[in-house]
Amino acid sequence: MSNSSRNAMLAKIRTAIMTGSRGDFHEAHTSVPYSAYDDGNVAARIELFAHRVAEYKAWVGHCTSVGIAQAVAERLMIRGKKRMVIPSDLPDSWLPKGFDFVRDSQLDRTVIAGMDGVLSGAALGIAQTGTIVLDGGAFQGRRMISLLPDYHLCIIRAQDIVGVVPEAFAQLATTRQSPMQPYTFISGPSATSDIELNRVEGVHGPRTLDVFIVE
């Protein structure tokens, strides 16, 4: 930045401070309407959630509650996965024959990392952002099992998909067990960029994410 550009910028800052523009800025932005709920259209909400999740390069499918095991089997065969870690309370009805499902009973992290992937449920889905939320509740298990394996197959019920972010936080607050309870927010497969903006996948979690919406 040249000296003239810097001086011009600083002059604008001084003027803004002296004329109280900061207050005007605050007033203008707090007057913007901010919705805590969507319009209540369930079908549109599910469609938006699926679309947003897919935008993050995740695969999204649909199944029925009685067809979960068959859907899981088909997806694992396509992905070539055989040995999956699962939460200790995952329903047997979700588990197809012909695969090795290992329930997590405080498994060592090296064992978990060596699995082909993890199969789990979810606490919530957020349509607005295409985000899956895990809170360690039913069918989700420890946070570790959702982060260490390279592949995550997640089952989420359509009724657990909310419209917007404020609605998700309000709902999570009603089920929180402890102030120290961790949440995991998943918006697509794990990915980041280095200083040269080269995309690197699988750094902070699974590099491959498949999602079934159960309707």
N, C-alpha and C. Protein backbone atom coordinates (compact mmCIF):
# COMPACT_ATOMS: atom_id res chain seq x y z
N MET A 1 0.84 -1.19 0.00
CA MET A 1 0.00 0.00 0.00
C MET A 1 0.89 1.25 0.00
N SER A 2 0.58 2.19 -0.88
CA SER A 2 1.37 3.41 -0.97
C SER A 2 1.02 4.33 0.20
N ASN A 3 1.90 5.31 0.46
CA ASN A 3 1.66 6.25 1.56
C ASN A 3 0.37 7.05 1.34
N SER A 4 0.13 7.43 0.09
CA SER A 4 -1.07 8.23 -0.19
C SER A 4 -2.33 7.42 0.07
N SER A 5 -2.32 6.15 -0.32
CA SER A 5 -3.49 5.28 -0.09
C SER A 5 -3.71 5.06 1.40
N ARG A 6 -2.62 4.83 2.12
CA ARG A 6 -2.73 4.62 3.56
C ARG A 6 -3.26 5.86 4.27
N ASN A 7 -2.74 7.03 3.88
CA ASN A 7 -3.19 8.27 4.50
C ASN A 7 -4.67 8.53 4.21
N ALA A 8 -5.09 8.19 2.99
CA ALA A 8 -6.49 8.38 2.63
C ALA A 8 -7.40 7.47 3.46
N MET A 9 -6.96 6.22 3.64
CA MET A 9 -7.74 5.27 4.42
C MET A 9 -7.84 5.72 5.88
N LEU A 10 -6.71 6.14 6.45
CA LEU A 10 -6.71 6.60 7.84
C LEU A 10 -7.58 7.84 8.02
N ALA A 11 -7.58 8.70 7.03
CA ALA A 11 -8.40 9.91 7.10
C ALA A 11 -9.88 9.54 7.14
N LYS A 12 -10.27 8.55 6.36
CA LYS A 12 -11.67 8.11 6.36
C LYS A 12 -12.05 7.51 7.71
N ILE A 13 -11.12 6.76 8.31
CA ILE A 13 -11.38 6.17 9.63
C ILE A 13 -11.58 7.25 10.67
N ARG A 14 -10.69 8.27 10.64
CA ARG A 14 -10.81 9.36 11.61
C ARG A 14 -12.15 10.09 11.44
N THR A 15 -12.53 10.31 10.20
CA THR A 15 -13.80 11.01 9.92
C THR A 15 -14.98 10.19 10.43
N ALA A 16 -14.92 8.89 10.21
CA ALA A 16 -16.01 8.02 10.65
C ALA A 16 -16.14 8.03 12.16
N ILE A 17 -15.01 8.01 12.85
CA ILE A 17 -15.03 8.02 14.32
C ILE A 17 -15.59 9.35 14.84
N MET A 18 -15.16 10.47 14.22
CA MET A 18 -15.57 11.78 14.70
C MET A 18 -17.06 12.06 14.42
N THR A 19 -17.60 11.51 13.34
CA THR A 19 -18.99 11.80 12.98
C THR A 19 -19.96 10.76 13.50
N GLY A 20 -19.42 9.75 14.20
CA GLY A 20 -20.31 8.74 14.79
C GLY A 20 -20.85 7.77 13.78
N SER A 21 -20.14 7.53 12.68
CA SER A 21 -20.62 6.61 11.66
C SER A 21 -20.73 5.19 12.18
N ARG A 22 -19.96 4.89 13.23
CA ARG A 22 -20.02 3.54 13.77
C ARG A 22 -21.43 3.25 14.29
N GLY A 23 -22.05 4.25 14.95
CA GLY A 23 -23.41 4.06 15.43
C GLY A 23 -24.38 3.88 14.29
N ASP A 24 -24.21 4.65 13.21
CA ASP A 24 -25.08 4.51 12.05
C ASP A 24 -24.95 3.12 11.47
N PHE A 25 -23.72 2.60 11.41
CA PHE A 25 -23.47 1.26 10.85
C PHE A 25 -24.20 0.22 11.69
N HIS A 26 -24.07 0.35 13.02
CA HIS A 26 -24.69 -0.62 13.91
C HIS A 26 -26.21 -0.60 13.76
N GLU A 27 -26.78 0.61 13.68
CA GLU A 27 -28.22 0.74 13.57
C GLU A 27 -28.72 0.16 12.25
N ALA A 28 -27.98 0.41 11.19
CA ALA A 28 -28.40 -0.08 9.88
C ALA A 28 -28.40 -1.60 9.82
N HIS A 29 -27.42 -2.22 10.48
CA HIS A 29 -27.30 -3.68 10.38
C HIS A 29 -28.21 -4.41 11.36
N THR A 30 -28.52 -3.81 12.49
CA THR A 30 -29.41 -4.50 13.42
C THR A 30 -30.86 -4.41 12.97
N SER A 31 -31.16 -3.57 11.99
CA SER A 31 -32.53 -3.47 11.51
C SER A 31 -32.84 -4.52 10.44
N VAL A 32 -31.82 -5.27 10.00
CA VAL A 32 -32.04 -6.31 8.99
C VAL A 32 -32.81 -7.47 9.62
N PRO A 33 -33.93 -7.91 9.03
CA PRO A 33 -34.71 -9.01 9.61
C PRO A 33 -33.91 -10.30 9.61
N TYR A 34 -34.01 -11.05 10.70
CA TYR A 34 -33.24 -12.29 10.86
C TYR A 34 -34.19 -13.37 11.35
N SER A 35 -34.47 -14.35 10.50
CA SER A 35 -35.47 -15.35 10.82
C SER A 35 -34.88 -16.48 11.65
N ALA A 36 -35.62 -16.87 12.68
CA ALA A 36 -35.19 -17.99 13.53
C ALA A 36 -35.79 -19.30 13.06
N TYR A 37 -36.72 -19.25 12.09
CA TYR A 37 -37.36 -20.46 11.57
C TYR A 37 -37.57 -20.29 10.07
N ASP A 38 -37.70 -21.43 9.37
CA ASP A 38 -37.98 -21.34 7.94
C ASP A 38 -39.49 -21.26 7.73
N ASP A 39 -39.94 -21.43 6.48
CA ASP A 39 -41.36 -21.23 6.19
C ASP A 39 -42.22 -22.45 6.52
N GLY A 40 -41.62 -23.51 7.03
CA GLY A 40 -42.39 -24.68 7.43
C GLY A 40 -42.67 -25.68 6.34
N ASN A 41 -42.14 -25.46 5.15
CA ASN A 41 -42.34 -26.39 4.04
C ASN A 41 -41.35 -27.55 4.19
N VAL A 42 -41.83 -28.68 4.68
CA VAL A 42 -40.95 -29.81 5.02
C VAL A 42 -40.26 -30.37 3.77
N ALA A 43 -41.02 -30.55 2.70
CA ALA A 43 -40.44 -31.11 1.48
C ALA A 43 -39.34 -30.22 0.93
N ALA A 44 -39.59 -28.92 0.94
CA ALA A 44 -38.58 -27.97 0.44
C ALA A 44 -37.35 -27.97 1.34
N ARG A 45 -37.57 -28.13 2.64
CA ARG A 45 -36.46 -28.16 3.60
C ARG A 45 -35.56 -29.36 3.34
N ILE A 46 -36.16 -30.53 3.14
CA ILE A 46 -35.37 -31.74 2.88
C ILE A 46 -34.62 -31.61 1.55
N GLU A 47 -35.30 -31.08 0.55
CA GLU A 47 -34.67 -30.90 -0.76
C GLU A 47 -33.49 -29.94 -0.67
N LEU A 48 -33.66 -28.85 0.08
CA LEU A 48 -32.58 -27.89 0.24
C LEU A 48 -31.40 -28.51 0.98
N PHE A 49 -31.69 -29.27 2.03
CA PHE A 49 -30.63 -29.93 2.79
C PHE A 49 -29.83 -30.87 1.88
N ALA A 50 -30.52 -31.70 1.12
CA ALA A 50 -29.83 -32.63 0.21
C ALA A 50 -28.99 -31.88 -0.81
N HIS A 51 -29.54 -30.80 -1.34
CA HIS A 51 -28.82 -30.01 -2.34
C HIS A 51 -27.56 -29.38 -1.75
N ARG A 52 -27.68 -28.82 -0.55
CA ARG A 52 -26.53 -28.15 0.06
C ARG A 52 -25.46 -29.16 0.46
N VAL A 53 -25.86 -30.31 0.99
CA VAL A 53 -24.88 -31.34 1.34
C VAL A 53 -24.12 -31.79 0.10
N ALA A 54 -24.84 -31.99 -1.00
CA ALA A 54 -24.20 -32.43 -2.24
C ALA A 54 -23.25 -31.37 -2.79
N GLU A 55 -23.55 -30.10 -2.54
CA GLU A 55 -22.67 -29.02 -3.00
C GLU A 55 -21.28 -29.11 -2.36
N TYR A 56 -21.22 -29.74 -1.18
CA TYR A 56 -19.95 -29.91 -0.49
C TYR A 56 -19.19 -31.15 -0.96
N LYS A 57 -19.64 -31.75 -2.07
CA LYS A 57 -18.99 -32.94 -2.64
C LYS A 57 -19.23 -34.19 -1.80
N ALA A 58 -20.34 -34.20 -1.08
CA ALA A 58 -20.77 -35.41 -0.39
C ALA A 58 -21.83 -36.09 -1.25
N TRP A 59 -21.99 -37.41 -1.05
CA TRP A 59 -23.04 -38.14 -1.75
C TRP A 59 -24.28 -38.18 -0.87
N VAL A 60 -25.45 -37.99 -1.47
CA VAL A 60 -26.69 -37.97 -0.71
C VAL A 60 -27.70 -38.93 -1.34
N GLY A 61 -28.31 -39.80 -0.51
CA GLY A 61 -29.33 -40.71 -0.97
C GLY A 61 -30.52 -40.69 -0.04
N HIS A 62 -31.60 -41.37 -0.45
CA HIS A 62 -32.81 -41.44 0.35
C HIS A 62 -33.18 -42.90 0.57
N CYS A 63 -33.77 -43.20 1.71
CA CYS A 63 -34.25 -44.54 1.99
C CYS A 63 -35.38 -44.46 3.00
N THR A 64 -36.04 -45.60 3.22
CA THR A 64 -37.09 -45.67 4.22
C THR A 64 -36.53 -46.26 5.50
N SER A 65 -37.27 -46.15 6.59
CA SER A 65 -36.79 -46.67 7.87
C SER A 65 -36.60 -48.18 7.85
N VAL A 66 -37.43 -48.88 7.07
CA VAL A 66 -37.29 -50.34 7.00
C VAL A 66 -36.24 -50.77 5.98
N GLY A 67 -35.74 -49.80 5.20
CA GLY A 67 -34.78 -50.14 4.16
C GLY A 67 -33.37 -49.66 4.44
N ILE A 68 -33.10 -49.28 5.70
CA ILE A 68 -31.78 -48.75 6.04
C ILE A 68 -30.68 -49.78 5.80
N ALA A 69 -30.88 -51.01 6.28
CA ALA A 69 -29.84 -52.04 6.15
C ALA A 69 -29.49 -52.31 4.69
N GLN A 70 -30.52 -52.40 3.85
CA GLN A 70 -30.27 -52.64 2.43
C GLN A 70 -29.53 -51.46 1.79
N ALA A 71 -29.93 -50.24 2.17
CA ALA A 71 -29.27 -49.05 1.63
C ALA A 71 -27.81 -49.00 2.07
N VAL A 72 -27.55 -49.32 3.34
CA VAL A 72 -26.19 -49.34 3.86
C VAL A 72 -25.35 -50.37 3.11
N ALA A 73 -25.91 -51.57 2.89
CA ALA A 73 -25.17 -52.62 2.19
C ALA A 73 -24.79 -52.19 0.78
N GLU A 74 -25.73 -51.59 0.07
CA GLU A 74 -25.46 -51.16 -1.31
C GLU A 74 -24.39 -50.10 -1.35
N ARG A 75 -24.44 -49.17 -0.40
CA ARG A 75 -23.46 -48.09 -0.41
C ARG A 75 -22.07 -48.59 -0.04
N LEU A 76 -22.00 -49.47 0.95
CA LEU A 76 -20.69 -50.00 1.36
C LEU A 76 -20.07 -50.85 0.25
N MET A 77 -20.89 -51.57 -0.48
CA MET A 77 -20.37 -52.35 -1.61
C MET A 77 -19.81 -51.44 -2.69
N ILE A 78 -20.51 -50.35 -2.96
CA ILE A 78 -20.03 -49.40 -3.97
C ILE A 78 -18.70 -48.78 -3.54
N ARG A 79 -18.59 -48.47 -2.25
CA ARG A 79 -17.37 -47.84 -1.73
C ARG A 79 -16.26 -48.86 -1.46
N GLY A 80 -16.59 -50.14 -1.48
CA GLY A 80 -15.58 -51.16 -1.20
C GLY A 80 -15.17 -51.21 0.26
N LYS A 81 -16.12 -50.94 1.16
CA LYS A 81 -15.84 -50.93 2.60
C LYS A 81 -16.36 -52.22 3.24
N LYS A 82 -15.58 -52.78 4.13
CA LYS A 82 -15.95 -54.04 4.78
C LYS A 82 -16.00 -53.93 6.30
N ARG A 83 -15.03 -53.27 6.88
CA ARG A 83 -14.90 -53.23 8.34
C ARG A 83 -15.21 -51.82 8.84
N MET A 84 -16.34 -51.70 9.55
CA MET A 84 -16.82 -50.39 9.96
C MET A 84 -16.94 -50.31 11.48
N VAL A 85 -16.51 -49.20 12.05
CA VAL A 85 -16.75 -48.96 13.47
C VAL A 85 -18.13 -48.31 13.60
N ILE A 86 -18.87 -48.69 14.64
CA ILE A 86 -20.21 -48.15 14.85
C ILE A 86 -20.38 -47.79 16.32
N PRO A 87 -21.26 -46.85 16.64
CA PRO A 87 -21.57 -46.54 18.04
C PRO A 87 -22.09 -47.78 18.75
N SER A 88 -21.90 -47.83 20.06
CA SER A 88 -22.29 -49.01 20.82
C SER A 88 -23.79 -49.25 20.80
N ASP A 89 -24.59 -48.18 20.59
CA ASP A 89 -26.05 -48.33 20.63
C ASP A 89 -26.71 -48.31 19.25
N LEU A 90 -25.93 -48.44 18.19
CA LEU A 90 -26.51 -48.42 16.86
C LEU A 90 -27.46 -49.62 16.69
N PRO A 91 -28.67 -49.42 16.17
CA PRO A 91 -29.63 -50.53 16.05
C PRO A 91 -29.14 -51.66 15.15
N ASP A 92 -29.39 -52.88 15.55
CA ASP A 92 -29.04 -54.04 14.73
C ASP A 92 -29.77 -54.01 13.39
N SER A 93 -30.95 -53.39 13.37
CA SER A 93 -31.75 -53.35 12.14
C SER A 93 -31.10 -52.51 11.05
N TRP A 94 -30.10 -51.72 11.42
CA TRP A 94 -29.38 -50.91 10.43
C TRP A 94 -28.25 -51.70 9.78
N LEU A 95 -27.90 -52.85 10.33
CA LEU A 95 -26.67 -53.55 9.95
C LEU A 95 -26.95 -54.71 9.01
N PRO A 96 -26.48 -54.63 7.77
CA PRO A 96 -26.67 -55.73 6.83
C PRO A 96 -25.68 -56.86 7.10
N LYS A 97 -26.00 -58.03 6.60
CA LYS A 97 -25.10 -59.17 6.71
C LYS A 97 -23.95 -59.03 5.73
N GLY A 98 -22.85 -59.72 6.03
CA GLY A 98 -21.72 -59.74 5.11
C GLY A 98 -20.67 -58.68 5.35
N PHE A 99 -20.83 -57.90 6.43
CA PHE A 99 -19.86 -56.86 6.76
C PHE A 99 -19.43 -57.02 8.21
N ASP A 100 -18.27 -56.48 8.53
CA ASP A 100 -17.74 -56.57 9.88
C ASP A 100 -17.98 -55.24 10.59
N PHE A 101 -18.99 -55.21 11.45
CA PHE A 101 -19.31 -54.00 12.21
C PHE A 101 -18.77 -54.16 13.63
N VAL A 102 -17.90 -53.24 14.04
CA VAL A 102 -17.26 -53.31 15.35
C VAL A 102 -17.82 -52.20 16.23
N ARG A 103 -18.51 -52.59 17.29
CA ARG A 103 -19.08 -51.60 18.19
C ARG A 103 -17.98 -50.96 19.03
N ASP A 104 -18.09 -49.65 19.19
CA ASP A 104 -17.08 -48.91 19.95
C ASP A 104 -17.34 -49.04 21.44
N SER A 105 -16.48 -49.77 22.11
CA SER A 105 -16.54 -49.86 23.57
C SER A 105 -15.18 -49.38 24.09
N GLN A 106 -14.93 -48.09 23.88
CA GLN A 106 -13.66 -47.47 24.25
C GLN A 106 -12.49 -48.09 23.47
N LEU A 107 -12.70 -48.30 22.19
CA LEU A 107 -11.64 -48.82 21.34
C LEU A 107 -10.46 -47.86 21.31
N ASP A 108 -9.27 -48.40 21.14
CA ASP A 108 -8.08 -47.57 21.02
C ASP A 108 -8.14 -46.77 19.73
N ARG A 109 -7.60 -45.57 19.75
CA ARG A 109 -7.67 -44.69 18.58
C ARG A 109 -6.98 -45.27 17.36
N THR A 110 -5.93 -46.07 17.57
CA THR A 110 -5.26 -46.68 16.42
C THR A 110 -6.14 -47.73 15.75
N VAL A 111 -6.96 -48.40 16.55
CA VAL A 111 -7.91 -49.38 16.00
C VAL A 111 -8.98 -48.66 15.20
N ILE A 112 -9.50 -47.56 15.76
CA ILE A 112 -10.53 -46.79 15.06
C ILE A 112 -10.00 -46.23 13.75
N ALA A 113 -8.80 -45.67 13.79
CA ALA A 113 -8.20 -45.08 12.59
C ALA A 113 -7.96 -46.13 11.51
N GLY A 114 -7.79 -47.38 11.92
CA GLY A 114 -7.53 -48.45 10.97
C GLY A 114 -8.77 -49.04 10.33
N MET A 115 -9.95 -48.62 10.77
CA MET A 115 -11.20 -49.12 10.19
C MET A 115 -11.41 -48.55 8.79
N ASP A 116 -12.24 -49.24 8.01
CA ASP A 116 -12.57 -48.74 6.68
C ASP A 116 -13.42 -47.48 6.75
N GLY A 117 -14.17 -47.33 7.85
CA GLY A 117 -15.02 -46.16 7.98
C GLY A 117 -15.87 -46.25 9.22
N VAL A 118 -16.80 -45.30 9.36
CA VAL A 118 -17.72 -45.26 10.49
C VAL A 118 -19.14 -45.14 9.95
N LEU A 119 -20.05 -45.84 10.58
CA LEU A 119 -21.48 -45.73 10.29
C LEU A 119 -22.15 -45.17 11.53
N SER A 120 -22.88 -44.07 11.38
CA SER A 120 -23.50 -43.45 12.55
C SER A 120 -24.80 -42.77 12.19
N GLY A 121 -25.53 -42.39 13.25
CA GLY A 121 -26.69 -41.54 13.08
C GLY A 121 -26.26 -40.09 13.25
N ALA A 122 -27.23 -39.20 13.46
CA ALA A 122 -26.94 -37.77 13.62
C ALA A 122 -27.98 -37.15 14.54
N ALA A 123 -27.60 -36.05 15.16
CA ALA A 123 -28.55 -35.33 16.03
C ALA A 123 -29.46 -34.45 15.20
N LEU A 124 -28.87 -33.68 14.29
CA LEU A 124 -29.63 -32.71 13.50
C LEU A 124 -29.01 -32.53 12.12
N GLY A 125 -29.82 -32.02 11.22
CA GLY A 125 -29.33 -31.52 9.95
C GLY A 125 -29.84 -30.10 9.78
N ILE A 126 -29.06 -29.24 9.17
CA ILE A 126 -29.46 -27.84 8.96
C ILE A 126 -29.55 -27.60 7.46
N ALA A 127 -30.77 -27.38 6.98
CA ALA A 127 -30.98 -27.22 5.55
C ALA A 127 -30.29 -25.99 4.99
N GLN A 128 -30.33 -24.90 5.73
CA GLN A 128 -29.77 -23.63 5.27
C GLN A 128 -28.31 -23.75 4.88
N THR A 129 -27.55 -24.54 5.63
CA THR A 129 -26.10 -24.64 5.41
C THR A 129 -25.64 -26.02 4.96
N GLY A 130 -26.55 -26.99 4.88
CA GLY A 130 -26.16 -28.34 4.51
C GLY A 130 -25.25 -28.98 5.55
N THR A 131 -25.52 -28.69 6.82
CA THR A 131 -24.66 -29.12 7.91
C THR A 131 -25.30 -30.26 8.71
N ILE A 132 -24.48 -31.26 9.05
CA ILE A 132 -24.90 -32.35 9.93
C ILE A 132 -24.30 -32.07 11.31
N VAL A 133 -25.11 -32.23 12.34
CA VAL A 133 -24.66 -31.96 13.70
C VAL A 133 -24.66 -33.26 14.51
N LEU A 134 -23.54 -33.54 15.15
CA LEU A 134 -23.42 -34.67 16.06
C LEU A 134 -23.25 -34.12 17.47
N ASP A 135 -23.99 -34.68 18.43
CA ASP A 135 -23.86 -34.22 19.81
C ASP A 135 -23.53 -35.34 20.78
N GLY A 136 -23.16 -36.51 20.24
CA GLY A 136 -22.82 -37.63 21.10
C GLY A 136 -24.02 -38.36 21.65
N GLY A 137 -25.21 -38.05 21.14
CA GLY A 137 -26.43 -38.68 21.60
C GLY A 137 -26.67 -40.04 20.96
N ALA A 138 -27.94 -40.43 20.89
CA ALA A 138 -28.31 -41.75 20.40
C ALA A 138 -27.77 -42.01 18.99
N PHE A 139 -27.17 -43.17 18.83
CA PHE A 139 -26.68 -43.68 17.54
C PHE A 139 -25.50 -42.90 16.96
N GLN A 140 -24.84 -42.09 17.79
CA GLN A 140 -23.73 -41.27 17.29
C GLN A 140 -22.37 -41.65 17.85
N GLY A 141 -22.35 -42.10 19.09
CA GLY A 141 -21.10 -42.54 19.69
C GLY A 141 -20.17 -41.40 20.05
N ARG A 142 -18.94 -41.78 20.36
CA ARG A 142 -17.93 -40.78 20.73
C ARG A 142 -17.53 -39.93 19.52
N ARG A 143 -17.11 -38.72 19.82
CA ARG A 143 -16.68 -37.82 18.75
C ARG A 143 -15.52 -38.42 17.96
N MET A 144 -14.67 -39.17 18.64
CA MET A 144 -13.48 -39.72 18.01
C MET A 144 -13.81 -40.61 16.81
N ILE A 145 -14.88 -41.39 16.91
CA ILE A 145 -15.15 -42.35 15.83
C ILE A 145 -15.65 -41.66 14.56
N SER A 146 -16.12 -40.42 14.70
CA SER A 146 -16.57 -39.68 13.51
C SER A 146 -15.45 -38.88 12.87
N LEU A 147 -14.29 -38.81 13.53
CA LEU A 147 -13.19 -37.98 13.03
C LEU A 147 -12.00 -38.78 12.51
N LEU A 148 -11.74 -39.94 13.09
CA LEU A 148 -10.52 -40.67 12.73
C LEU A 148 -10.62 -41.49 11.44
N PRO A 149 -11.70 -42.24 11.21
CA PRO A 149 -11.77 -43.01 9.96
C PRO A 149 -11.82 -42.10 8.74
N ASP A 150 -11.45 -42.66 7.60
CA ASP A 150 -11.37 -41.87 6.37
C ASP A 150 -12.71 -41.79 5.64
N TYR A 151 -13.69 -42.57 6.12
CA TYR A 151 -14.99 -42.61 5.43
C TYR A 151 -16.10 -42.57 6.48
N HIS A 152 -17.14 -41.77 6.22
CA HIS A 152 -18.27 -41.65 7.13
C HIS A 152 -19.56 -41.86 6.36
N LEU A 153 -20.33 -42.86 6.78
CA LEU A 153 -21.68 -43.07 6.25
C LEU A 153 -22.65 -42.66 7.34
N CYS A 154 -23.39 -41.59 7.10
CA CYS A 154 -24.24 -41.00 8.13
C CYS A 154 -25.71 -41.18 7.77
N ILE A 155 -26.49 -41.62 8.75
CA ILE A 155 -27.93 -41.79 8.58
C ILE A 155 -28.64 -40.70 9.36
N ILE A 156 -29.46 -39.91 8.68
CA ILE A 156 -30.19 -38.83 9.36
C ILE A 156 -31.67 -38.91 9.01
N ARG A 157 -32.50 -38.80 10.02
CA ARG A 157 -33.94 -38.85 9.80
C ARG A 157 -34.43 -37.50 9.26
N ALA A 158 -35.37 -37.56 8.32
CA ALA A 158 -35.90 -36.33 7.73
C ALA A 158 -36.51 -35.43 8.81
N GLN A 159 -37.10 -36.02 9.83
CA GLN A 159 -37.74 -35.23 10.89
C GLN A 159 -36.73 -34.49 11.76
N ASP A 160 -35.45 -34.86 11.65
CA ASP A 160 -34.41 -34.19 12.42
C ASP A 160 -33.70 -33.09 11.62
N ILE A 161 -34.22 -32.78 10.46
CA ILE A 161 -33.65 -31.71 9.65
C ILE A 161 -34.43 -30.43 9.92
N VAL A 162 -33.73 -29.40 10.39
CA VAL A 162 -34.35 -28.11 10.66
C VAL A 162 -34.00 -27.14 9.54
N GLY A 163 -34.69 -26.01 9.54
CA GLY A 163 -34.52 -25.08 8.43
C GLY A 163 -33.29 -24.21 8.49
N VAL A 164 -33.10 -23.53 9.64
CA VAL A 164 -32.05 -22.51 9.72
C VAL A 164 -31.20 -22.72 10.97
N VAL A 165 -30.07 -22.03 11.00
CA VAL A 165 -29.09 -22.20 12.07
C VAL A 165 -29.64 -21.86 13.46
N PRO A 166 -30.33 -20.73 13.65
CA PRO A 166 -30.85 -20.43 14.99
C PRO A 166 -31.77 -21.52 15.52
N GLU A 167 -32.56 -22.12 14.64
CA GLU A 167 -33.45 -23.20 15.06
C GLU A 167 -32.66 -24.40 15.55
N ALA A 168 -31.55 -24.68 14.89
CA ALA A 168 -30.70 -25.80 15.29
C ALA A 168 -30.12 -25.57 16.68
N PHE A 169 -29.61 -24.39 16.94
CA PHE A 169 -29.01 -24.11 18.25
C PHE A 169 -30.06 -24.12 19.35
N ALA A 170 -31.26 -23.64 19.04
CA ALA A 170 -32.33 -23.66 20.03
C ALA A 170 -32.71 -25.09 20.39
N GLN A 171 -32.74 -25.96 19.40
CA GLN A 171 -33.09 -27.35 19.65
C GLN A 171 -31.97 -28.08 20.40
N LEU A 172 -30.73 -27.80 20.04
CA LEU A 172 -29.60 -28.44 20.72
C LEU A 172 -29.56 -28.04 22.20
N ALA A 173 -29.96 -26.82 22.49
CA ALA A 173 -29.94 -26.35 23.87
C ALA A 173 -30.89 -27.14 24.76
N THR A 174 -31.95 -27.68 24.17
CA THR A 174 -32.94 -28.42 24.96
C THR A 174 -32.47 -29.83 25.29
N THR A 175 -31.48 -30.33 24.56
CA THR A 175 -31.01 -31.71 24.78
C THR A 175 -29.59 -31.76 25.34
N ARG A 176 -29.02 -30.63 25.62
CA ARG A 176 -27.64 -30.60 26.10
C ARG A 176 -27.54 -31.22 27.49
N GLN A 177 -26.61 -32.16 27.65
CA GLN A 177 -26.47 -32.87 28.91
C GLN A 177 -25.48 -32.20 29.86
N SER A 178 -24.51 -31.48 29.30
CA SER A 178 -23.46 -30.89 30.12
C SER A 178 -22.90 -29.65 29.42
N PRO A 179 -22.45 -28.64 30.19
CA PRO A 179 -21.81 -27.47 29.59
C PRO A 179 -20.56 -27.83 28.79
N MET A 180 -19.97 -28.97 29.10
CA MET A 180 -18.75 -29.41 28.42
C MET A 180 -19.04 -30.34 27.25
N GLN A 181 -20.30 -30.55 26.94
CA GLN A 181 -20.66 -31.47 25.86
C GLN A 181 -20.17 -30.94 24.51
N PRO A 182 -19.38 -31.75 23.78
CA PRO A 182 -18.87 -31.27 22.49
C PRO A 182 -19.88 -31.48 21.37
N TYR A 183 -19.85 -30.60 20.40
CA TYR A 183 -20.65 -30.74 19.20
C TYR A 183 -19.72 -30.85 17.99
N THR A 184 -20.13 -31.64 17.03
CA THR A 184 -19.38 -31.73 15.78
C THR A 184 -20.29 -31.27 14.64
N PHE A 185 -19.87 -30.24 13.92
CA PHE A 185 -20.63 -29.72 12.79
C PHE A 185 -19.92 -30.16 11.51
N ILE A 186 -20.64 -30.91 10.70
CA ILE A 186 -20.05 -31.49 9.49
C ILE A 186 -20.72 -30.86 8.27
N SER A 187 -19.96 -30.11 7.52
CA SER A 187 -20.45 -29.54 6.26
C SER A 187 -19.61 -30.12 5.14
N GLY A 188 -19.96 -31.31 4.73
CA GLY A 188 -19.24 -32.01 3.67
C GLY A 188 -18.01 -32.72 4.19
N PRO A 189 -17.30 -33.42 3.30
CA PRO A 189 -16.05 -34.09 3.68
C PRO A 189 -15.03 -33.09 4.21
N SER A 190 -14.13 -33.55 5.05
CA SER A 190 -13.10 -32.67 5.60
C SER A 190 -12.20 -32.14 4.49
N ALA A 191 -11.98 -30.85 4.48
CA ALA A 191 -11.12 -30.23 3.47
C ALA A 191 -10.58 -28.91 3.99
N THR A 192 -9.38 -28.56 3.55
CA THR A 192 -8.79 -27.28 3.89
C THR A 192 -7.87 -26.88 2.74
N SER A 193 -7.26 -25.72 2.85
CA SER A 193 -6.33 -25.25 1.82
C SER A 193 -5.04 -24.79 2.49
N ASP A 194 -3.93 -25.07 1.81
CA ASP A 194 -2.66 -24.60 2.35
C ASP A 194 -2.43 -23.15 1.93
N ILE A 195 -1.27 -22.62 2.21
CA ILE A 195 -1.00 -21.20 1.97
C ILE A 195 -1.04 -20.86 0.48
N GLU A 196 -0.86 -21.87 -0.38
CA GLU A 196 -0.90 -21.64 -1.82
C GLU A 196 -2.28 -21.97 -2.40
N LEU A 197 -3.27 -22.15 -1.50
CA LEU A 197 -4.66 -22.41 -1.87
C LEU A 197 -4.84 -23.76 -2.57
N ASN A 198 -3.95 -24.69 -2.28
CA ASN A 198 -4.13 -26.05 -2.78
C ASN A 198 -5.07 -26.79 -1.83
N ARG A 199 -6.13 -27.37 -2.37
CA ARG A 199 -7.13 -28.07 -1.56
C ARG A 199 -6.55 -29.39 -1.04
N VAL A 200 -6.68 -29.60 0.25
CA VAL A 200 -6.22 -30.84 0.88
C VAL A 200 -7.40 -31.45 1.62
N GLU A 201 -7.70 -32.72 1.35
CA GLU A 201 -8.86 -33.37 1.94
C GLU A 201 -8.43 -34.38 3.01
N GLY A 202 -9.30 -34.58 3.99
CA GLY A 202 -9.07 -35.58 5.01
C GLY A 202 -8.14 -35.17 6.12
N VAL A 203 -7.95 -33.87 6.34
CA VAL A 203 -7.03 -33.40 7.37
C VAL A 203 -7.67 -33.44 8.75
N HIS A 204 -8.91 -32.97 8.84
CA HIS A 204 -9.57 -32.86 10.14
C HIS A 204 -10.68 -33.88 10.34
N GLY A 205 -10.85 -34.78 9.41
CA GLY A 205 -11.91 -35.78 9.50
C GLY A 205 -11.98 -36.58 8.22
N PRO A 206 -13.04 -37.37 8.03
CA PRO A 206 -13.16 -38.21 6.84
C PRO A 206 -13.11 -37.41 5.54
N ARG A 207 -12.39 -37.95 4.58
CA ARG A 207 -12.33 -37.27 3.28
C ARG A 207 -13.51 -37.66 2.39
N THR A 208 -14.27 -38.69 2.79
CA THR A 208 -15.41 -39.13 2.02
C THR A 208 -16.64 -39.20 2.91
N LEU A 209 -17.71 -38.55 2.50
CA LEU A 209 -18.94 -38.51 3.29
C LEU A 209 -20.12 -38.94 2.43
N ASP A 210 -20.85 -39.96 2.92
CA ASP A 210 -22.11 -40.39 2.30
C ASP A 210 -23.23 -40.18 3.30
N VAL A 211 -24.38 -39.70 2.83
CA VAL A 211 -25.49 -39.40 3.72
C VAL A 211 -26.78 -40.02 3.18
N PHE A 212 -27.47 -40.75 4.04
CA PHE A 212 -28.81 -41.23 3.72
C PHE A 212 -29.83 -40.43 4.54
N ILE A 213 -30.82 -39.88 3.86
CA ILE A 213 -31.94 -39.22 4.52
C ILE A 213 -33.07 -40.24 4.62
N VAL A 214 -33.49 -40.54 5.85
CA VAL A 214 -34.52 -41.54 6.08
C VAL A 214 -35.87 -40.84 6.16
N GLU A 215 -36.76 -41.18 5.24
CA GLU A 215 -38.08 -40.54 5.20
C GLU A 215 -39.16 -41.56 5.49
